[in-house]
Amino acid sequence: MYNIAYFCSLFATIMGISSAFSCTLIRCRRPVSTAYISNKKLCMSSTSTTSSSSGTNTISSDNNELYQDRSDILRANSKLSLAPMMEYTDRHFRHLVRLVSDRTLLYTEMVAANAIAHEREAALPSSSSSLLDGASLEELTFDPSYLLRFLGQGHNAEGASVLQLGGSDPDQLFLASKTVYEFNQLAQMHQQQQVSNNNNNAPIFCDYTALNLNCGCPSPKVAGNSFGAALMQDATLVQQLTSSMYHGSQGSIPITVKCRIGTDEGYQFTRDQYNARSDEEEYQSLKQFIETVASEGIVTDFQVHARIAVLGKNYSPADNRKVPPLRYYQVRRLAEEFPELNISLNGGVDTLSGVKRELDECSDLDGIMVGRGWMSNPWAFAMSDELLYTDGQLLADSTRPKNRMEVLQAYGQHADYEEERWDPVKIRRFITKAASQLFSGEPNAKRYRISLDEIAGLPKKLMKEDPKLMESQPPLSELILDAATKHLSEEVLYRTPKESYEKILYDEEQAEKRLLFVATGGNDAKQAEEKQSFIQEWQQTRKEDEMKESELNSM
């Protein structure tokens, strides 16, 4: 459990720094301009001002420096990013991804700004506008664990990471961003205490590189509350929202926007009607949105899903990922025409080879955002740092795990740390879920996943039978390793990232051949001969895989 007095003392120090900043916001409406910043690094003076209902606040040179440092980290790690996915990209999965890749830019699940604002308000004395105003340390009973449900990271620094916020109210986004700013300060103080106390277990709570506004989620629940992709229909409001986020974070954290290439506003979506619409009209609408949002110079990074969001029909998020066609050329054109902005492409790219291909084909693109590929097979991206940043050369100084056995050993430390601090009954399933797809496509991977599922249900089962039974249980790290070594071969457990990637490329090549044979039908003699050769090779591979699985089952 968290020591409240300890957190109070830390927050007292923080608020000594930030108490000069007002907690409320005037919705500052500036004239919309098509002007945008002239280069990718937002150059800022040593001090700048922000408007609030209590007057003019000055953003310190320290915050400007923090902003620039974070911007540099953002730019340096943008070639591959983990897309925000509800119920997937929690701190456990992000920790696993970081073990696989040092350079991937991590996005959180979307966090609703109103939820953060509500928890913040609940923690405040009725007469106060900040976490410590009007109360002495002895009187304060603020417990940060409630806010950490939304904002918390693991016990290790996540590196380049982005917190995605959802909302359409400038005041709530201001308060949410202010809360992130305060916890960022708390994280820095934790780091200092780690050094002074030689304590490697002190947690890093909320040290995000950037904040992101969700303007791309097409879920009816989200769009029905007028945020997510629905925000693309009001670029001026998006500009105000990002301004609120910037001022709430005291100008210390870069603000980015994830959006789509448009929505179905103004017509009833059907495939035929959409295909008949003008590409140029669609692009100009997207361009106007980007120009308006970027016009204040606050937002310089956009992650663009290359589909429209269908909001006029009751489409599920899955439908919106499949039905509207991908139009990569719209995002590529955007990157070409706005070289001063940082443009990343999202949608339909699920493999590392696909990421590399898209970046090679359009040098103006700054990055590729991948969601489902990471979720379904995180180890498939284990060579991403080398392929995207060092031209295939292995990093001699990398401390990343060298195989999946080492990944599980490192992840086990995270698992044990989490269970020591939170209720295993509530949290274990989230921890095991993050590691469930690490062996996707391997022999007996399904048995490994079933074992993890059984492990996840143990705390609840044992607590019902007899709470004392939990005390005799081995640590979660040991249970996870046992599941892996029981069902998976040493060849799988110790295969290196390079060996794994070569196997993936081979499998992708075979899949392409299968598609080609299906498409051509093997009409001529040469194709028929190639087809027969391919079938024999495929049958031999299947036979070898079945023999391996049979050997494992008999062990």
Protein backbone atom coordinates (compact mmCIF):
# COMPACT_ATOMS: atom_id res chain seq x y z
CA MET A 1 0.00 0.00 0.00
CA TYR A 2 1.11 3.55 -0.60
CA ASN A 3 2.37 5.63 2.29
CA ILE A 4 0.11 8.70 2.21
CA ALA A 5 2.41 10.88 4.29
CA TYR A 6 5.27 10.06 1.90
CA PHE A 7 3.29 11.10 -1.13
CA CYS A 8 2.06 14.21 0.65
CA SER A 9 5.61 15.35 1.28
CA LEU A 10 6.51 14.78 -2.35
CA PHE A 11 3.46 16.63 -3.58
CA ALA A 12 4.21 19.49 -1.21
CA THR A 13 7.55 19.94 -2.93
CA ILE A 14 5.94 19.67 -6.35
CA MET A 15 3.26 22.21 -5.55
CA GLY A 16 5.91 24.54 -4.24
CA ILE A 17 7.09 24.62 -7.84
CA SER A 18 3.73 24.69 -9.54
CA SER A 19 1.51 26.65 -7.14
CA ALA A 20 2.05 29.79 -9.22
CA PHE A 21 0.09 28.19 -12.04
CA SER A 22 -3.66 28.60 -12.10
CA CYS A 23 -5.83 25.51 -12.31
CA THR A 24 -8.62 26.99 -14.42
CA LEU A 25 -8.71 27.86 -18.08
CA ILE A 26 -10.26 30.54 -20.23
CA ARG A 27 -11.14 29.05 -23.59
CA CYS A 28 -8.81 31.20 -25.58
CA ARG A 29 -10.19 31.60 -29.10
CA ARG A 30 -7.54 32.78 -31.50
CA PRO A 31 -8.30 33.48 -35.16
CA VAL A 32 -7.82 30.30 -37.19
CA SER A 33 -4.91 30.59 -39.59
CA THR A 34 -3.48 28.32 -42.23
CA ALA A 35 -0.01 29.22 -41.03
CA TYR A 36 2.02 26.52 -39.37
CA ILE A 37 5.47 26.14 -37.91
CA SER A 38 8.45 26.41 -40.18
CA ASN A 39 10.46 23.45 -38.98
CA LYS A 40 10.01 20.21 -37.12
CA LYS A 41 11.57 21.45 -33.90
CA LEU A 42 9.28 23.91 -32.17
CA CYS A 43 11.60 26.73 -31.26
CA MET A 44 10.53 28.41 -28.06
CA SER A 45 11.90 31.41 -26.19
CA SER A 46 13.27 31.09 -22.68
CA THR A 47 9.88 32.15 -21.28
CA SER A 48 6.39 32.21 -22.76
CA THR A 49 2.96 33.04 -21.43
CA THR A 50 -0.33 31.18 -21.21
CA SER A 51 -3.76 32.60 -20.51
CA SER A 52 -5.90 31.57 -17.59
CA SER A 53 -8.89 32.94 -15.73
CA SER A 54 -6.63 34.25 -12.97
CA GLY A 55 -4.31 36.16 -15.24
CA THR A 56 -1.17 35.44 -17.24
CA ASN A 57 1.10 32.56 -16.31
CA THR A 58 4.73 32.35 -17.32
CA ILE A 59 6.10 29.06 -18.60
CA SER A 60 9.54 28.69 -17.10
CA SER A 61 12.71 28.14 -19.06
CA ASP A 62 13.01 24.79 -17.24
CA ASN A 63 9.69 23.70 -18.74
CA ASN A 64 10.76 24.90 -22.17
CA GLU A 65 13.89 22.80 -21.80
CA LEU A 66 11.82 19.80 -20.72
CA TYR A 67 9.60 20.31 -23.76
CA GLN A 68 12.55 20.39 -26.13
CA ASP A 69 14.15 17.31 -24.55
CA ARG A 70 10.91 15.38 -24.89
CA SER A 71 10.42 16.59 -28.45
CA ASP A 72 13.88 15.29 -29.33
CA ILE A 73 13.06 11.90 -27.77
CA LEU A 74 9.77 11.84 -29.69
CA ARG A 75 11.47 12.51 -33.03
CA ALA A 76 14.28 10.06 -32.37
CA ASN A 77 11.90 7.15 -31.68
CA SER A 78 9.05 7.67 -34.15
CA LYS A 79 9.87 5.16 -36.92
CA LEU A 80 7.81 2.46 -35.22
CA SER A 81 5.11 3.04 -32.63
CA LEU A 82 2.74 0.82 -30.69
CA ALA A 83 -0.82 1.95 -31.46
CA PRO A 84 -3.14 2.74 -28.55
CA MET A 85 -5.59 -0.15 -28.08
CA MET A 86 -8.24 -0.36 -25.40
CA GLU A 87 -7.80 -3.32 -23.04
CA TYR A 88 -4.42 -4.16 -24.59
CA THR A 89 -1.79 -1.43 -24.31
CA ASP A 90 -1.83 -1.25 -20.52
CA ARG A 91 1.37 -0.87 -18.52
CA HIS A 92 1.95 -4.64 -18.51
CA PHE A 93 1.89 -5.01 -22.29
CA ARG A 94 3.95 -1.84 -22.71
CA HIS A 95 6.54 -3.31 -20.35
CA LEU A 96 6.69 -6.48 -22.46
CA VAL A 97 7.07 -4.46 -25.67
CA ARG A 98 9.88 -2.44 -24.12
CA LEU A 99 11.72 -5.69 -23.36
CA VAL A 100 11.46 -6.56 -27.06
CA SER A 101 12.39 -3.11 -28.41
CA ASP A 102 14.28 -0.17 -26.91
CA ARG A 103 13.17 2.29 -29.59
CA THR A 104 9.46 1.62 -30.24
CA LEU A 105 7.29 4.58 -29.22
CA LEU A 106 4.71 3.24 -26.76
CA TYR A 107 1.13 4.52 -26.64
CA THR A 108 -1.20 3.88 -23.73
CA GLU A 109 -4.83 2.93 -23.94
CA MET A 110 -7.06 5.96 -24.30
CA VAL A 111 -7.77 7.52 -20.91
CA ALA A 112 -10.91 9.66 -20.60
CA ALA A 113 -10.03 13.18 -19.46
CA ASN A 114 -13.26 13.42 -17.47
CA ALA A 115 -12.25 10.34 -15.43
CA ILE A 116 -8.96 12.00 -14.45
CA ALA A 117 -10.73 15.31 -13.71
CA HIS A 118 -13.29 13.47 -11.56
CA GLU A 119 -10.65 11.62 -9.53
CA ARG A 120 -8.69 14.85 -9.13
CA GLU A 121 -11.77 16.65 -7.85
CA ALA A 122 -12.50 13.80 -5.44
CA ALA A 123 -9.00 14.17 -3.97
CA LEU A 124 -9.35 17.93 -3.40
CA PRO A 125 -10.72 19.67 -0.33
CA SER A 126 -13.98 21.40 -1.26
CA SER A 127 -12.46 24.88 -1.05
CA SER A 128 -9.29 24.07 -3.00
CA SER A 129 -8.32 24.25 -6.65
CA SER A 130 -5.09 22.27 -6.34
CA LEU A 131 -4.08 19.08 -4.59
CA LEU A 132 -2.56 20.82 -1.55
CA ASP A 133 -4.22 24.23 -1.33
CA GLY A 134 -5.85 25.02 1.98
CA ALA A 135 -4.60 21.98 3.86
CA SER A 136 -1.56 21.21 5.94
CA LEU A 137 0.36 18.01 5.44
CA GLU A 138 -1.12 16.64 8.66
CA GLU A 139 -4.68 17.29 7.46
CA LEU A 140 -4.28 15.99 3.90
CA THR A 141 -5.53 12.48 3.14
CA PHE A 142 -4.79 12.34 -0.57
CA ASP A 143 -4.24 8.80 -1.88
CA PRO A 144 -2.59 8.86 -5.35
CA SER A 145 -3.44 5.23 -6.10
CA TYR A 146 -6.81 6.21 -7.56
CA LEU A 147 -5.24 8.50 -10.15
CA LEU A 148 -2.50 5.97 -10.81
CA ARG A 149 -5.16 3.56 -12.10
CA PHE A 150 -5.34 5.85 -15.13
CA LEU A 151 -1.86 7.34 -15.30
CA GLY A 152 0.50 4.82 -13.72
CA GLN A 153 3.44 3.14 -15.39
CA GLY A 154 5.48 0.20 -14.11
CA HIS A 155 8.45 0.18 -11.75
CA ASN A 156 10.92 0.84 -14.56
CA ALA A 157 11.10 3.87 -16.83
CA GLU A 158 9.17 3.16 -20.05
CA GLY A 159 11.40 5.28 -22.24
CA ALA A 160 9.68 6.97 -25.18
CA SER A 161 5.97 6.76 -24.35
CA VAL A 162 2.79 8.71 -25.03
CA LEU A 163 -0.34 9.02 -22.89
CA GLN A 164 -3.46 9.22 -25.05
CA LEU A 165 -6.34 11.32 -23.72
CA GLY A 166 -9.93 11.31 -24.92
CA GLY A 167 -12.33 14.18 -24.45
CA SER A 168 -14.04 17.19 -25.99
CA ASP A 169 -14.10 19.61 -23.05
CA PRO A 170 -11.16 22.05 -22.85
CA ASP A 171 -11.42 22.44 -19.07
CA GLN A 172 -11.32 18.69 -18.42
CA LEU A 173 -8.38 18.21 -20.77
CA PHE A 174 -6.60 21.09 -19.05
CA LEU A 175 -7.05 19.46 -15.64
CA ALA A 176 -6.06 16.03 -16.96
CA SER A 177 -2.88 17.45 -18.50
CA LYS A 178 -2.09 19.41 -15.35
CA THR A 179 -2.40 16.21 -13.33
CA VAL A 180 0.01 14.45 -15.72
CA TYR A 181 2.42 17.36 -15.36
CA GLU A 182 2.34 17.08 -11.56
CA PHE A 183 2.88 13.34 -11.67
CA ASN A 184 5.72 13.85 -14.16
CA GLN A 185 7.35 16.04 -11.52
CA LEU A 186 6.73 13.30 -8.97
CA ALA A 187 8.39 10.76 -11.25
CA GLN A 188 11.51 12.93 -11.52
CA MET A 189 11.67 13.18 -7.74
CA HIS A 190 11.40 9.40 -7.51
CA GLN A 191 14.33 9.09 -9.88
CA GLN A 192 16.38 11.43 -7.70
CA GLN A 193 15.49 9.42 -4.62
CA GLN A 194 16.50 6.22 -6.39
CA VAL A 195 19.98 7.64 -6.87
CA SER A 196 20.32 9.12 -3.37
CA ASN A 197 18.93 6.03 -1.60
CA ASN A 198 20.40 3.42 -3.97
CA ASN A 199 16.87 2.05 -4.27
CA ASN A 200 16.25 0.34 -7.60
CA ASN A 201 12.66 -0.55 -6.75
CA ALA A 202 11.26 2.98 -6.41
CA PRO A 203 8.47 3.24 -9.00
CA ILE A 204 8.34 5.57 -11.96
CA PHE A 205 4.78 6.74 -11.90
CA CYS A 206 3.99 9.00 -14.83
CA ASP A 207 7.02 9.99 -16.88
CA TYR A 208 5.46 10.34 -20.36
CA THR A 209 7.28 11.81 -23.34
CA ALA A 210 4.14 13.33 -24.90
CA LEU A 211 0.36 13.65 -24.64
CA ASN A 212 -1.89 12.59 -27.51
CA LEU A 213 -5.46 13.68 -28.29
CA ASN A 214 -7.66 10.91 -29.69
CA CYS A 215 -9.36 12.17 -32.86
CA GLY A 216 -9.50 8.76 -34.54
CA CYS A 217 -11.54 6.30 -32.46
CA PRO A 218 -14.75 5.45 -34.39
CA SER A 219 -16.45 3.55 -31.56
CA PRO A 220 -20.14 4.55 -31.31
CA LYS A 221 -19.73 4.94 -27.54
CA VAL A 222 -16.85 7.37 -28.00
CA ALA A 223 -18.25 9.21 -31.03
CA GLY A 224 -21.62 9.45 -29.28
CA ASN A 225 -19.91 11.54 -26.60
CA SER A 226 -18.57 13.87 -29.31
CA PHE A 227 -14.93 12.88 -29.05
CA GLY A 228 -12.67 10.46 -30.86
CA ALA A 229 -13.15 10.56 -34.64
CA ALA A 230 -16.18 12.86 -34.25
CA LEU A 231 -13.72 15.65 -33.40
CA MET A 232 -12.48 15.66 -37.01
CA GLN A 233 -15.71 17.46 -37.88
CA ASP A 234 -14.63 20.47 -35.77
CA ALA A 235 -10.97 21.32 -36.34
CA THR A 236 -11.29 24.61 -34.47
CA LEU A 237 -12.40 22.76 -31.34
CA VAL A 238 -9.49 20.34 -31.72
CA GLN A 239 -7.15 23.33 -31.86
CA GLN A 240 -8.65 24.64 -28.60
CA LEU A 241 -8.40 21.21 -26.96
CA THR A 242 -4.73 20.78 -27.82
CA SER A 243 -4.06 24.32 -26.60
CA SER A 244 -5.71 23.39 -23.29
CA MET A 245 -3.53 20.31 -23.01
CA TYR A 246 -0.39 22.34 -23.71
CA HIS A 247 -1.25 24.98 -21.11
CA GLY A 248 -2.37 22.35 -18.58
CA SER A 249 1.01 20.64 -18.84
CA GLN A 250 2.67 24.04 -18.33
CA GLY A 251 4.31 23.88 -21.74
CA SER A 252 6.54 21.00 -20.65
CA ILE A 253 5.08 18.13 -22.70
CA PRO A 254 4.66 17.90 -26.51
CA ILE A 255 1.06 17.50 -27.71
CA THR A 256 0.25 15.16 -30.62
CA VAL A 257 -2.95 14.17 -32.44
CA LYS A 258 -4.09 10.78 -33.76
CA CYS A 259 -6.77 11.06 -36.44
CA ARG A 260 -8.18 9.47 -39.59
CA ILE A 261 -8.15 10.76 -43.17
CA GLY A 262 -11.73 11.92 -42.63
CA THR A 263 -15.27 10.86 -41.71
CA ASP A 264 -18.50 10.13 -43.58
CA GLU A 265 -19.89 13.55 -42.68
CA GLY A 266 -22.31 14.86 -45.32
CA TYR A 267 -23.28 11.58 -47.00
CA GLN A 268 -24.52 8.06 -46.33
CA PHE A 269 -21.55 5.68 -46.53
CA THR A 270 -21.61 2.78 -48.98
CA ARG A 271 -18.59 1.31 -50.74
CA ASP A 272 -19.81 2.41 -54.16
CA GLN A 273 -20.68 5.92 -53.04
CA TYR A 274 -17.37 6.30 -51.23
CA ASN A 275 -15.37 5.10 -54.23
CA ALA A 276 -17.25 7.57 -56.41
CA ARG A 277 -16.30 10.52 -54.22
CA SER A 278 -13.46 12.81 -55.22
CA ASP A 279 -10.04 11.88 -53.83
CA GLU A 280 -9.06 15.52 -54.09
CA GLU A 281 -12.05 16.67 -52.05
CA GLU A 282 -11.17 14.12 -49.37
CA TYR A 283 -7.55 15.23 -49.28
CA GLN A 284 -8.36 18.94 -49.12
CA SER A 285 -10.66 18.31 -46.15
CA LEU A 286 -7.87 16.39 -44.39
CA LYS A 287 -5.36 19.10 -45.25
CA GLN A 288 -7.59 21.81 -43.84
CA PHE A 289 -7.98 19.85 -40.60
CA ILE A 290 -4.22 19.44 -40.24
CA GLU A 291 -3.51 23.10 -41.04
CA THR A 292 -6.09 24.36 -38.55
CA VAL A 293 -4.89 22.11 -35.72
CA ALA A 294 -1.22 22.93 -36.40
CA SER A 295 -1.76 26.67 -36.88
CA GLU A 296 -0.75 27.66 -33.31
CA GLY A 297 2.49 25.69 -33.51
CA ILE A 298 1.51 23.51 -30.54
CA VAL A 299 0.82 20.31 -32.49
CA THR A 300 3.57 19.20 -34.84
CA ASP A 301 3.04 15.43 -34.72
CA PHE A 302 0.11 13.61 -36.36
CA GLN A 303 -0.57 9.88 -36.49
CA VAL A 304 -2.99 9.34 -39.37
CA HIS A 305 -5.05 6.19 -39.86
CA ALA A 306 -5.42 5.80 -43.63
CA ARG A 307 -9.17 5.09 -43.53
CA ILE A 308 -12.17 7.29 -42.98
CA ALA A 309 -14.25 6.77 -39.84
CA VAL A 310 -17.84 5.76 -40.60
CA LEU A 311 -19.91 7.48 -37.91
CA GLY A 312 -23.29 7.64 -39.67
CA LYS A 313 -23.87 3.90 -39.34
CA ASN A 314 -23.74 1.70 -36.27
CA TYR A 315 -20.33 0.30 -37.26
CA SER A 316 -18.22 -1.38 -34.61
CA PRO A 317 -14.51 -0.50 -34.31
CA ALA A 318 -13.82 -3.83 -36.08
CA ASP A 319 -16.07 -2.79 -38.99
CA ASN A 320 -14.26 0.54 -39.20
CA ARG A 321 -10.95 -1.34 -39.49
CA LYS A 322 -12.21 -3.51 -42.36
CA VAL A 323 -14.98 -1.88 -44.38
CA PRO A 324 -13.57 1.55 -45.36
CA PRO A 325 -10.68 0.99 -47.80
CA LEU A 326 -7.13 1.98 -46.95
CA ARG A 327 -5.83 5.02 -48.82
CA TYR A 328 -2.16 5.23 -48.00
CA TYR A 329 -1.60 7.73 -50.81
CA GLN A 330 -3.53 10.39 -48.88
CA VAL A 331 -1.20 10.08 -45.88
CA ARG A 332 1.90 9.96 -48.10
CA ARG A 333 0.79 13.11 -49.87
CA LEU A 334 0.25 14.80 -46.52
CA ALA A 335 3.79 13.88 -45.46
CA GLU A 336 5.19 15.18 -48.76
CA GLU A 337 3.34 18.51 -48.59
CA PHE A 338 4.04 19.13 -44.89
CA PRO A 339 7.74 18.30 -44.39
CA GLU A 340 7.77 20.61 -41.35
CA LEU A 341 5.35 18.27 -39.56
CA ASN A 342 5.96 14.78 -38.19
CA ILE A 343 3.52 12.44 -40.01
CA SER A 344 3.11 8.76 -39.12
CA LEU A 345 0.97 6.28 -41.04
CA ASN A 346 -1.42 3.92 -39.26
CA GLY A 347 -3.71 1.16 -40.49
CA GLY A 348 -3.19 -2.22 -42.14
CA VAL A 349 0.56 -2.54 -41.56
CA ASP A 350 0.98 -5.52 -39.24
CA THR A 351 4.50 -6.85 -39.88
CA LEU A 352 8.03 -5.54 -39.44
CA SER A 353 8.76 -6.14 -43.13
CA GLY A 354 5.65 -4.08 -43.92
CA VAL A 355 6.88 -1.24 -41.71
CA LYS A 356 10.25 -1.22 -43.45
CA ARG A 357 8.62 -1.35 -46.88
CA GLU A 358 6.35 1.63 -46.19
CA LEU A 359 9.23 3.74 -44.85
CA ASP A 360 11.43 2.79 -47.82
CA GLU A 361 8.69 3.62 -50.34
CA CYS A 362 7.93 7.04 -48.85
CA SER A 363 10.92 8.74 -47.27
CA ASP A 364 8.71 11.68 -46.25
CA LEU A 365 6.87 9.52 -43.73
CA ASP A 366 8.35 9.83 -40.25
CA GLY A 367 6.96 6.62 -38.86
CA ILE A 368 4.53 3.71 -38.95
CA MET A 369 2.08 2.92 -36.17
CA VAL A 370 1.26 -0.77 -35.63
CA GLY A 371 -1.45 -2.15 -33.38
CA ARG A 372 -2.78 -5.61 -34.25
CA GLY A 373 0.61 -6.91 -35.34
CA TRP A 374 2.17 -6.10 -31.97
CA MET A 375 -0.85 -7.50 -30.15
CA SER A 376 -0.91 -10.82 -32.03
CA ASN A 377 2.85 -11.50 -32.09
CA PRO A 378 5.14 -9.10 -30.20
CA TRP A 379 8.26 -11.20 -30.80
CA ALA A 380 7.84 -10.66 -34.55
CA PHE A 381 9.17 -7.11 -33.96
CA ALA A 382 12.24 -8.15 -31.98
CA MET A 383 14.56 -7.01 -34.80
CA SER A 384 12.86 -3.62 -35.25
CA ASP A 385 15.60 -1.57 -33.57
CA GLU A 386 18.30 -3.06 -35.79
CA LEU A 387 16.33 -2.95 -39.05
CA LEU A 388 14.90 0.55 -38.63
CA TYR A 389 17.73 2.36 -36.86
CA THR A 390 21.03 0.58 -37.59
CA ASP A 391 20.46 -0.85 -41.08
CA GLY A 392 20.33 -4.44 -39.84
CA GLN A 393 23.44 -4.28 -37.68
CA LEU A 394 23.07 -5.85 -34.24
CA LEU A 395 23.46 -3.38 -31.40
CA ALA A 396 26.55 -4.38 -29.44
CA ASP A 397 25.60 -2.31 -26.37
CA SER A 398 21.96 -3.35 -26.22
CA THR A 399 20.77 -4.77 -22.90
CA ARG A 400 17.59 -6.24 -24.39
CA PRO A 401 16.87 -9.93 -23.77
CA LYS A 402 18.52 -12.14 -26.39
CA ASN A 403 15.68 -14.65 -26.64
CA ARG A 404 12.16 -15.27 -25.36
CA MET A 405 13.37 -17.19 -22.32
CA GLU A 406 15.22 -14.06 -21.19
CA VAL A 407 12.16 -11.95 -22.01
CA LEU A 408 10.05 -14.09 -19.67
CA GLN A 409 12.68 -13.93 -16.95
CA ALA A 410 12.77 -10.14 -17.14
CA TYR A 411 8.99 -9.91 -17.40
CA GLY A 412 8.72 -12.12 -14.32
CA GLN A 413 10.39 -9.39 -12.25
CA HIS A 414 7.66 -6.99 -13.37
CA ALA A 415 4.97 -9.58 -12.61
CA ASP A 416 6.22 -10.18 -9.06
CA TYR A 417 6.60 -6.45 -8.42
CA GLU A 418 3.00 -5.80 -9.49
CA GLU A 419 1.57 -8.61 -7.37
CA GLU A 420 3.42 -7.37 -4.31
CA ARG A 421 1.70 -3.99 -4.60
CA TRP A 422 -1.74 -4.85 -5.95
CA ASP A 423 -4.34 -7.53 -5.30
CA PRO A 424 -3.43 -10.68 -7.33
CA VAL A 425 -7.13 -11.53 -7.61
CA LYS A 426 -7.73 -8.33 -9.57
CA ILE A 427 -4.46 -7.83 -11.41
CA ARG A 428 -3.02 -11.26 -12.31
CA ARG A 429 -5.15 -11.79 -15.41
CA PHE A 430 -3.90 -8.49 -16.88
CA ILE A 431 -0.27 -9.48 -16.21
CA THR A 432 -0.55 -12.93 -17.84
CA LYS A 433 -2.60 -11.61 -20.76
CA ALA A 434 0.29 -9.35 -21.80
CA ALA A 435 2.61 -12.36 -22.22
CA SER A 436 0.06 -14.72 -23.78
CA GLN A 437 0.98 -14.05 -27.45
CA LEU A 438 4.76 -14.09 -27.03
CA PHE A 439 4.98 -17.51 -28.75
CA SER A 440 2.29 -16.97 -31.36
CA GLY A 441 2.59 -19.40 -34.28
CA GLU A 442 4.94 -21.77 -32.46
CA PRO A 443 4.19 -25.47 -31.77
CA ASN A 444 2.21 -25.85 -28.53
CA ALA A 445 1.67 -22.09 -28.21
CA LYS A 446 -2.00 -22.76 -27.53
CA ARG A 447 -1.14 -25.05 -24.60
CA TYR A 448 1.08 -22.31 -23.18
CA ARG A 449 -1.80 -19.80 -23.44
CA ILE A 450 -4.18 -22.22 -21.73
CA SER A 451 -1.67 -22.65 -18.88
CA LEU A 452 -1.41 -18.89 -18.46
CA ASP A 453 -5.18 -18.65 -18.33
CA GLU A 454 -5.26 -21.27 -15.58
CA ILE A 455 -2.53 -19.42 -13.68
CA ALA A 456 -4.52 -16.19 -14.00
CA GLY A 457 -7.54 -17.78 -12.33
CA LEU A 458 -5.64 -19.33 -9.41
CA PRO A 459 -5.82 -16.42 -6.91
CA LYS A 460 -9.60 -16.12 -7.15
CA LYS A 461 -10.01 -19.89 -6.88
CA LEU A 462 -7.67 -20.26 -3.91
CA MET A 463 -9.12 -17.28 -2.06
CA LYS A 464 -12.55 -18.90 -2.26
CA GLU A 465 -11.23 -22.19 -0.91
CA ASP A 466 -8.90 -20.86 1.77
CA PRO A 467 -6.99 -17.52 1.71
CA LYS A 468 -4.02 -19.18 3.43
CA LEU A 469 -3.45 -21.32 0.33
CA MET A 470 -2.17 -18.24 -1.52
CA GLU A 471 0.71 -17.94 0.95
CA SER A 472 2.15 -21.30 -0.13
CA GLN A 473 1.97 -20.48 -3.84
CA PRO A 474 5.21 -19.89 -5.78
CA PRO A 475 5.73 -16.38 -7.20
CA LEU A 476 3.99 -15.55 -10.49
CA SER A 477 7.33 -15.32 -12.31
CA GLU A 478 8.03 -18.96 -11.50
CA LEU A 479 4.58 -20.08 -12.66
CA ILE A 480 4.98 -18.28 -16.00
CA LEU A 481 8.42 -19.81 -16.62
CA ASP A 482 7.13 -23.27 -15.70
CA ALA A 483 4.31 -22.92 -18.23
CA ALA A 484 6.78 -21.97 -20.96
CA THR A 485 9.35 -24.69 -20.28
CA LYS A 486 6.62 -27.34 -19.95
CA HIS A 487 5.01 -26.72 -23.33
CA LEU A 488 7.66 -25.10 -25.54
CA SER A 489 10.88 -26.50 -26.95
CA GLU A 490 14.33 -25.14 -26.17
CA GLU A 491 14.70 -24.25 -29.85
CA VAL A 492 11.68 -21.94 -29.54
CA LEU A 493 12.61 -20.53 -26.15
CA TYR A 494 16.20 -19.70 -27.12
CA ARG A 495 15.78 -18.68 -30.77
CA THR A 496 17.38 -15.27 -31.32
CA PRO A 497 15.58 -12.24 -32.78
CA LYS A 498 17.57 -12.57 -36.01
CA GLU A 499 16.76 -16.27 -36.39
CA SER A 500 13.12 -15.58 -35.64
CA TYR A 501 12.93 -12.78 -38.19
CA GLU A 502 14.50 -14.95 -40.89
CA LYS A 503 11.86 -17.60 -40.17
CA ILE A 504 9.10 -14.98 -40.36
CA LEU A 505 10.38 -13.75 -43.72
CA TYR A 506 10.40 -17.32 -45.02
CA ASP A 507 6.82 -17.86 -43.81
CA GLU A 508 5.71 -14.59 -45.42
CA GLU A 509 7.34 -15.64 -48.70
CA GLN A 510 5.50 -18.96 -48.63
CA ALA A 511 2.22 -17.21 -47.89
CA GLU A 512 2.73 -14.94 -50.89
CA LYS A 513 3.36 -17.98 -53.09
CA ARG A 514 0.15 -19.57 -51.89
CA LEU A 515 -1.80 -16.43 -52.75
CA LEU A 516 -0.15 -16.28 -56.17
CA PHE A 517 -1.06 -19.88 -56.96
CA VAL A 518 -4.64 -19.29 -55.89
CA ALA A 519 -4.83 -16.16 -58.04
CA THR A 520 -3.27 -17.70 -61.18
CA GLY A 521 -4.71 -21.20 -60.84
CA GLY A 522 -1.50 -22.72 -62.18
CA ASN A 523 -2.74 -22.72 -65.77
CA ASP A 524 0.42 -23.38 -67.76
CA ALA A 525 2.86 -26.26 -67.43
CA LYS A 526 5.59 -24.21 -65.74
CA GLN A 527 3.19 -22.88 -63.13
CA ALA A 528 1.82 -26.38 -62.55
CA GLU A 529 5.36 -27.68 -61.98
CA GLU A 530 6.15 -24.83 -59.56
CA LYS A 531 2.87 -25.44 -57.79
CA GLN A 532 3.64 -29.15 -57.34
CA SER A 533 7.10 -28.32 -56.00
CA PHE A 534 5.65 -25.79 -53.59
CA ILE A 535 3.01 -28.23 -52.34
CA GLN A 536 5.66 -30.87 -51.66
CA GLU A 537 7.79 -28.34 -49.78
CA TRP A 538 4.77 -27.21 -47.78
CA GLN A 539 3.82 -30.82 -46.94
CA GLN A 540 7.36 -31.57 -45.78
CA THR A 541 7.34 -28.48 -43.55
CA ARG A 542 3.98 -29.49 -42.06
CA LYS A 543 5.28 -33.02 -41.41
CA GLU A 544 8.38 -31.67 -39.61
CA ASP A 545 6.24 -29.33 -37.48
CA GLU A 546 3.89 -32.18 -36.55
CA MET A 547 6.83 -34.39 -35.58
CA LYS A 548 8.24 -31.63 -33.35
CA GLU A 549 4.88 -31.15 -31.67
CA SER A 550 4.49 -34.91 -31.20
CA GLU A 551 7.92 -35.10 -29.57
CA LEU A 552 7.00 -32.25 -27.22
CA ASN A 553 3.72 -33.91 -26.26
CA SER A 554 5.49 -37.16 -25.38
CA MET A 555 7.98 -35.44 -23.05
